[in-house]
Each structure stands twice: as structure tokens, then as C-alpha cells.
Amino acid sequence: MKPARRICMLILAALLATAVAGAAQETSPPAAVPQSSQDKTKPEPPPAKKLRAAKPPAASTNGAPRKIVVREGGADEPMAQIVTGMSPAEAERERREAELLLSTTAEKLKEIAPRQFNDEQQQTISQIHNYMEVSRSALKEGDIPRAHTLAIKAGLLADDLARH
């Protein structure tokens, strides 16, 4: 689930919970508090404004709450383009460089694959693959600076691993 959609879903759930809690409070009458003669001299605070409560989901015919199914994340969202201060030519150069770094890193991993690695080196290899995967994903999403940075990190780790 995309982070923006997850945030919207959490906000919606919080609003529904608040609305249900507000509706429950409206149905119970406030307890009567006896006033003493001293309380009459103090000015009463203005009554609090009541917020409109959202209607709870309609119940189905058998009394259970009605389910709303949103398939595959709901409506399609346009691909977000992260705007940076780089020119299109610079963005294309960084894209090509990131792709080149990813391919050379993959080749380097193939070269060192026959070697025996300890646990720490295995974790480094796992991190390299993770950086490469996220970098490719960022390239597809159009986040070129992020893709470039991750490709550099993967390349540096692979170089270090090849040296040792």
C-alpha cells in the first residue's frame, strides 16, 4: 500500500472512531451536578460547540456491519514525479550513470559469487541487493537522485567486498 494512501486510511479510521465516540457521548445525558450558592457567583463558561458526527456504516440486513471492499488499492493515482532543481539533461545523465552503476555492480557480484563468505559478508551482499532493487524501483518511479544515490552505495559496497 502506498504511504499516502495508508495515511489517508489512518485519518479516515481516526475520524470514524471519533465520530462513533461522539455519537455515544451524545446519547448519554450529562450527570446533574448540584450547585451551591458559591457557584452561582462564578460566570458559567460558554457551552462547547458540538461537532457533527459522521454516520456510522449502515448495517446489513442480518445486523452485521456492511463491508466495503476496495480492490487493489482503490482508484488509480497518477505517478508522482519528484521535482528537483536539476535540468532534464542532468537528470538524464544521472539516470544513465545509475543504470551503468547497477549493471557494473551486478557484474561484480557475479565475479565474486564463487567465493566463500562469512556472515558479515553475506549481510553486505544482502544489503547490496536491497540497494540495487530499491534503486531500480526509484528509476521506474522517476526519482532519479534517489536511484543514483542508492546505485552508488551498492557499487561502493560491492567494490569493498571484492577487495576483501
C-alpha atoms as a PDB file:
ATOM      1  CA  MET A   1       0.000   0.000   0.000  1.00  0.00           C
ATOM      2  CA  LYS A   2       1.355   3.430  -0.881  1.00  0.00           C
ATOM      3  CA  PRO A   3       2.312   5.655   2.074  1.00  0.00           C
ATOM      4  CA  ALA A   4      -0.075   8.449   1.057  1.00  0.00           C
ATOM      5  CA  ARG A   5      -2.986   6.002   0.792  1.00  0.00           C
ATOM      6  CA  ARG A   6      -2.032   4.443   4.153  1.00  0.00           C
ATOM      7  CA  ILE A   7      -2.072   7.878   5.794  1.00  0.00           C
ATOM      8  CA  CYS A   8      -5.477   8.659   4.278  1.00  0.00           C
ATOM      9  CA  MET A   9      -6.842   5.337   5.520  1.00  0.00           C
ATOM     10  CA  LEU A  10      -5.496   6.016   9.030  1.00  0.00           C
ATOM     11  CA  ILE A  11      -7.022   9.501   9.065  1.00  0.00           C
ATOM     12  CA  LEU A  12     -10.349   8.111   7.877  1.00  0.00           C
ATOM     13  CA  ALA A  13     -10.268   5.425  10.586  1.00  0.00           C
ATOM     14  CA  ALA A  14      -9.485   8.044  13.228  1.00  0.00           C
ATOM     15  CA  LEU A  15     -12.345  10.248  12.027  1.00  0.00           C
ATOM     16  CA  LEU A  16     -14.765   7.337  12.110  1.00  0.00           C
ATOM     17  CA  ALA A  17     -13.628   6.371  15.612  1.00  0.00           C
ATOM     18  CA  THR A  18     -14.053   9.959  16.775  1.00  0.00           C
ATOM     19  CA  ALA A  19     -17.489  10.153  15.183  1.00  0.00           C
ATOM     20  CA  VAL A  20     -18.633   6.929  16.818  1.00  0.00           C
ATOM     21  CA  ALA A  21     -17.297   8.081  20.192  1.00  0.00           C
ATOM     22  CA  GLY A  22     -19.029  11.434  19.731  1.00  0.00           C
ATOM     23  CA  ALA A  23     -22.309   9.751  18.873  1.00  0.00           C
ATOM     24  CA  ALA A  24     -22.041   7.602  22.021  1.00  0.00           C
ATOM     25  CA  GLN A  25     -21.479  10.688  24.166  1.00  0.00           C
ATOM     26  CA  GLU A  26     -24.451  12.499  22.643  1.00  0.00           C
ATOM     27  CA  THR A  27     -26.812   9.675  23.549  1.00  0.00           C
ATOM     28  CA  SER A  28     -25.860   9.616  27.251  1.00  0.00           C
ATOM     29  CA  PRO A  29     -27.232  12.603  29.195  1.00  0.00           C
ATOM     30  CA  PRO A  30     -24.780  14.527  31.369  1.00  0.00           C
ATOM     31  CA  ALA A  31     -24.995  13.889  35.096  1.00  0.00           C
ATOM     32  CA  ALA A  32     -26.777  16.564  37.086  1.00  0.00           C
ATOM     33  CA  VAL A  33     -24.422  18.424  39.399  1.00  0.00           C
ATOM     34  CA  PRO A  34     -25.939  20.242  42.361  1.00  0.00           C
ATOM     35  CA  GLN A  35     -24.898  23.859  42.503  1.00  0.00           C
ATOM     36  CA  SER A  36     -24.046  25.575  45.736  1.00  0.00           C
ATOM     37  CA  SER A  37     -24.668  29.219  46.455  1.00  0.00           C
ATOM     38  CA  GLN A  38     -20.985  29.995  45.828  1.00  0.00           C
ATOM     39  CA  ASP A  39     -21.060  28.531  42.319  1.00  0.00           C
ATOM     40  CA  LYS A  40     -23.805  30.975  41.287  1.00  0.00           C
ATOM     41  CA  THR A  41     -21.448  33.939  41.595  1.00  0.00           C
ATOM     42  CA  LYS A  42     -18.961  32.493  39.140  1.00  0.00           C
ATOM     43  CA  PRO A  43     -19.737  33.074  35.479  1.00  0.00           C
ATOM     44  CA  GLU A  44     -20.525  29.905  33.586  1.00  0.00           C
ATOM     45  CA  PRO A  45     -18.275  29.074  30.654  1.00  0.00           C
ATOM     46  CA  PRO A  46     -19.969  29.149  27.264  1.00  0.00           C
ATOM     47  CA  PRO A  47     -21.258  25.760  26.128  1.00  0.00           C
ATOM     48  CA  ALA A  48     -18.836  23.826  23.967  1.00  0.00           C
ATOM     49  CA  LYS A  49     -19.636  23.574  20.301  1.00  0.00           C
ATOM     50  CA  LYS A  50     -20.793  20.169  19.238  1.00  0.00           C
ATOM     51  CA  LEU A  51     -19.138  18.623  16.223  1.00  0.00           C
ATOM     52  CA  ARG A  52     -21.253  16.791  13.737  1.00  0.00           C
ATOM     53  CA  ALA A  53     -20.661  13.104  13.956  1.00  0.00           C
ATOM     54  CA  ALA A  54     -20.307  11.126  10.776  1.00  0.00           C
ATOM     55  CA  LYS A  55     -22.915   8.464  10.282  1.00  0.00           C
ATOM     56  CA  PRO A  56     -21.678   5.021  11.242  1.00  0.00           C
ATOM     57  CA  PRO A  57     -21.597   2.455   8.446  1.00  0.00           C
ATOM     58  CA  ALA A  58     -25.023   1.094   7.630  1.00  0.00           C
ATOM     59  CA  ALA A  59     -25.778  -2.359   8.986  1.00  0.00           C
ATOM     60  CA  SER A  60     -26.636  -5.157   6.615  1.00  0.00           C
ATOM     61  CA  THR A  61     -29.973  -6.932   6.783  1.00  0.00           C
ATOM     62  CA  ASN A  62     -28.696  -9.555   9.241  1.00  0.00           C
ATOM     63  CA  GLY A  63     -27.456  -6.906  11.717  1.00  0.00           C
ATOM     64  CA  ALA A  64     -23.731  -7.227  10.937  1.00  0.00           C
ATOM     65  CA  PRO A  65     -21.858  -4.136   9.732  1.00  0.00           C
ATOM     66  CA  ARG A  66     -21.749  -3.770   5.986  1.00  0.00           C
ATOM     67  CA  LYS A  67     -18.335  -4.436   4.464  1.00  0.00           C
ATOM     68  CA  ILE A  68     -16.823  -2.117   1.900  1.00  0.00           C
ATOM     69  CA  VAL A  69     -14.199  -3.791  -0.274  1.00  0.00           C
ATOM     70  CA  VAL A  70     -11.653  -1.645  -2.090  1.00  0.00           C
ATOM     71  CA  ARG A  71      -9.867  -3.789  -4.653  1.00  0.00           C
ATOM     72  CA  GLU A  72      -6.175  -3.260  -5.422  1.00  0.00           C
ATOM     73  CA  GLY A  73      -5.831  -0.019  -3.548  1.00  0.00           C
ATOM     74  CA  GLY A  74      -8.878   1.738  -4.968  1.00  0.00           C
ATOM     75  CA  ALA A  75      -8.635   4.425  -7.608  1.00  0.00           C
ATOM     76  CA  ASP A  76      -5.527   4.767  -9.700  1.00  0.00           C
ATOM     77  CA  GLU A  77      -3.200   7.512  -8.614  1.00  0.00           C
ATOM     78  CA  PRO A  78      -1.020   9.388 -11.059  1.00  0.00           C
ATOM     79  CA  MET A  79       2.676   8.654 -10.878  1.00  0.00           C
ATOM     80  CA  ALA A  80       4.269  11.237  -8.614  1.00  0.00           C
ATOM     81  CA  GLN A  81       7.272  12.982 -10.089  1.00  0.00           C
ATOM     82  CA  ILE A  82       9.703  14.310  -7.535  1.00  0.00           C
ATOM     83  CA  VAL A  83      10.741  17.766  -8.589  1.00  0.00           C
ATOM     84  CA  THR A  84      14.361  18.656  -8.054  1.00  0.00           C
ATOM     85  CA  GLY A  85      16.457  21.587  -9.093  1.00  0.00           C
ATOM     86  CA  MET A  86      18.234  19.601 -11.825  1.00  0.00           C
ATOM     87  CA  SER A  87      17.823  20.188 -15.527  1.00  0.00           C
ATOM     88  CA  PRO A  88      16.451  17.469 -17.812  1.00  0.00           C
ATOM     89  CA  ALA A  89      19.922  16.927 -19.294  1.00  0.00           C
ATOM     90  CA  GLU A  90      21.433  16.483 -15.844  1.00  0.00           C
ATOM     91  CA  ALA A  91      18.605  14.124 -14.854  1.00  0.00           C
ATOM     92  CA  GLU A  92      19.220  12.011 -17.964  1.00  0.00           C
ATOM     93  CA  ARG A  93      22.959  11.914 -17.226  1.00  0.00           C
ATOM     94  CA  GLU A  94      22.294  10.745 -13.657  1.00  0.00           C
ATOM     95  CA  ARG A  95      19.816   8.147 -14.932  1.00  0.00           C
ATOM     96  CA  ARG A  96      22.396   6.702 -17.357  1.00  0.00           C
ATOM     97  CA  GLU A  97      25.063   6.757 -14.652  1.00  0.00           C
ATOM     98  CA  ALA A  98      22.750   4.967 -12.177  1.00  0.00           C
ATOM     99  CA  GLU A  99      21.932   2.299 -14.775  1.00  0.00           C
ATOM    100  CA  LEU A 100      25.645   1.848 -15.537  1.00  0.00           C
ATOM    101  CA  LEU A 101      26.466   1.587 -11.820  1.00  0.00           C
ATOM    102  CA  LEU A 102      23.738  -1.034 -11.356  1.00  0.00           C
ATOM    103  CA  SER A 103      24.987  -3.136 -14.260  1.00  0.00           C
ATOM    104  CA  THR A 104      28.654  -2.972 -13.157  1.00  0.00           C
ATOM    105  CA  THR A 105      27.652  -3.838  -9.599  1.00  0.00           C
ATOM    106  CA  ALA A 106      25.690  -6.850 -10.848  1.00  0.00           C
ATOM    107  CA  GLU A 107      28.720  -7.986 -12.866  1.00  0.00           C
ATOM    108  CA  LYS A 108      30.988  -7.556  -9.837  1.00  0.00           C
ATOM    109  CA  LEU A 109      28.620  -9.682  -7.724  1.00  0.00           C
ATOM    110  CA  LYS A 110      28.692 -12.407 -10.396  1.00  0.00           C
ATOM    111  CA  GLU A 111      32.503 -12.380 -10.349  1.00  0.00           C
ATOM    112  CA  ILE A 112      32.780 -12.831  -6.601  1.00  0.00           C
ATOM    113  CA  ALA A 113      29.857 -15.277  -6.273  1.00  0.00           C
ATOM    114  CA  PRO A 114      32.048 -18.436  -6.175  1.00  0.00           C
ATOM    115  CA  ARG A 115      33.900 -17.199  -3.087  1.00  0.00           C
ATOM    116  CA  GLN A 116      33.045 -18.322   0.440  1.00  0.00           C
ATOM    117  CA  PHE A 117      31.649 -15.514   2.610  1.00  0.00           C
ATOM    118  CA  ASN A 118      31.292 -15.155   6.361  1.00  0.00           C
ATOM    119  CA  ASP A 119      28.051 -13.923   7.983  1.00  0.00           C
ATOM    120  CA  GLU A 120      29.041 -10.254   7.857  1.00  0.00           C
ATOM    121  CA  GLN A 121      29.907 -10.503   4.153  1.00  0.00           C
ATOM    122  CA  GLN A 122      26.598 -12.307   3.495  1.00  0.00           C
ATOM    123  CA  GLN A 123      24.771  -9.394   5.152  1.00  0.00           C
ATOM    124  CA  THR A 124      26.731  -6.985   2.956  1.00  0.00           C
ATOM    125  CA  ILE A 125      25.695  -8.917  -0.157  1.00  0.00           C
ATOM    126  CA  SER A 126      22.083  -8.811   1.018  1.00  0.00           C
ATOM    127  CA  GLN A 127      22.350  -5.041   1.540  1.00  0.00           C
ATOM    128  CA  ILE A 128      23.845  -4.598  -1.947  1.00  0.00           C
ATOM    129  CA  HIS A 129      20.912  -6.490  -3.492  1.00  0.00           C
ATOM    130  CA  ASN A 130      18.491  -4.387  -1.452  1.00  0.00           C
ATOM    131  CA  TYR A 131      20.098  -1.120  -2.609  1.00  0.00           C
ATOM    132  CA  MET A 132      20.017  -2.319  -6.216  1.00  0.00           C
ATOM    133  CA  GLU A 133      16.346  -3.320  -6.016  1.00  0.00           C
ATOM    134  CA  VAL A 134      15.275  -0.040  -4.447  1.00  0.00           C
ATOM    135  CA  SER A 135      17.403   1.897  -6.937  1.00  0.00           C
ATOM    136  CA  ARG A 136      15.693   0.184  -9.877  1.00  0.00           C
ATOM    137  CA  SER A 137      12.325   0.897  -8.316  1.00  0.00           C
ATOM    138  CA  ALA A 138      13.246   4.570  -7.887  1.00  0.00           C
ATOM    139  CA  LEU A 139      14.290   4.726 -11.549  1.00  0.00           C
ATOM    140  CA  LYS A 140      10.885   3.369 -12.572  1.00  0.00           C
ATOM    141  CA  GLU A 141       9.161   5.928 -10.351  1.00  0.00           C
ATOM    142  CA  GLY A 142      11.226   8.769 -11.806  1.00  0.00           C
ATOM    143  CA  ASP A 143      13.114   9.527  -8.573  1.00  0.00           C
ATOM    144  CA  ILE A 144      16.480   9.833 -10.298  1.00  0.00           C
ATOM    145  CA  PRO A 145      18.537  11.409  -7.472  1.00  0.00           C
ATOM    146  CA  ARG A 146      17.476   8.656  -5.070  1.00  0.00           C
ATOM    147  CA  ALA A 147      18.143   5.938  -7.640  1.00  0.00           C
ATOM    148  CA  HIS A 148      21.584   7.405  -8.342  1.00  0.00           C
ATOM    149  CA  THR A 149      22.492   7.605  -4.654  1.00  0.00           C
ATOM    150  CA  LEU A 150      21.404   4.016  -3.997  1.00  0.00           C
ATOM    151  CA  ALA A 151      23.284   2.753  -7.058  1.00  0.00           C
ATOM    152  CA  ILE A 152      26.438   4.489  -5.784  1.00  0.00           C
ATOM    153  CA  LYS A 153      26.019   2.882  -2.350  1.00  0.00           C
ATOM    154  CA  ALA A 154      25.548  -0.569  -3.886  1.00  0.00           C
ATOM    155  CA  GLY A 155      28.621  -0.065  -6.068  1.00  0.00           C
ATOM    156  CA  LEU A 156      30.793   1.070  -3.173  1.00  0.00           C
ATOM    157  CA  LEU A 157      29.772  -1.900  -1.054  1.00  0.00           C
ATOM    158  CA  ALA A 158      30.443  -4.304  -3.934  1.00  0.00           C
ATOM    159  CA  ASP A 159      33.878  -2.742  -4.548  1.00  0.00           C
ATOM    160  CA  ASP A 160      34.746  -3.090  -0.872  1.00  0.00           C
ATOM    161  CA  LEU A 161      33.574  -6.694  -0.813  1.00  0.00           C
ATOM    162  CA  ALA A 162      35.567  -7.552  -3.948  1.00  0.00           C
ATOM    163  CA  ARG A 163      38.751  -6.142  -2.377  1.00  0.00           C
ATOM    164  CA  HIS A 164      38.459  -8.267   0.779  1.00  0.00           C
END
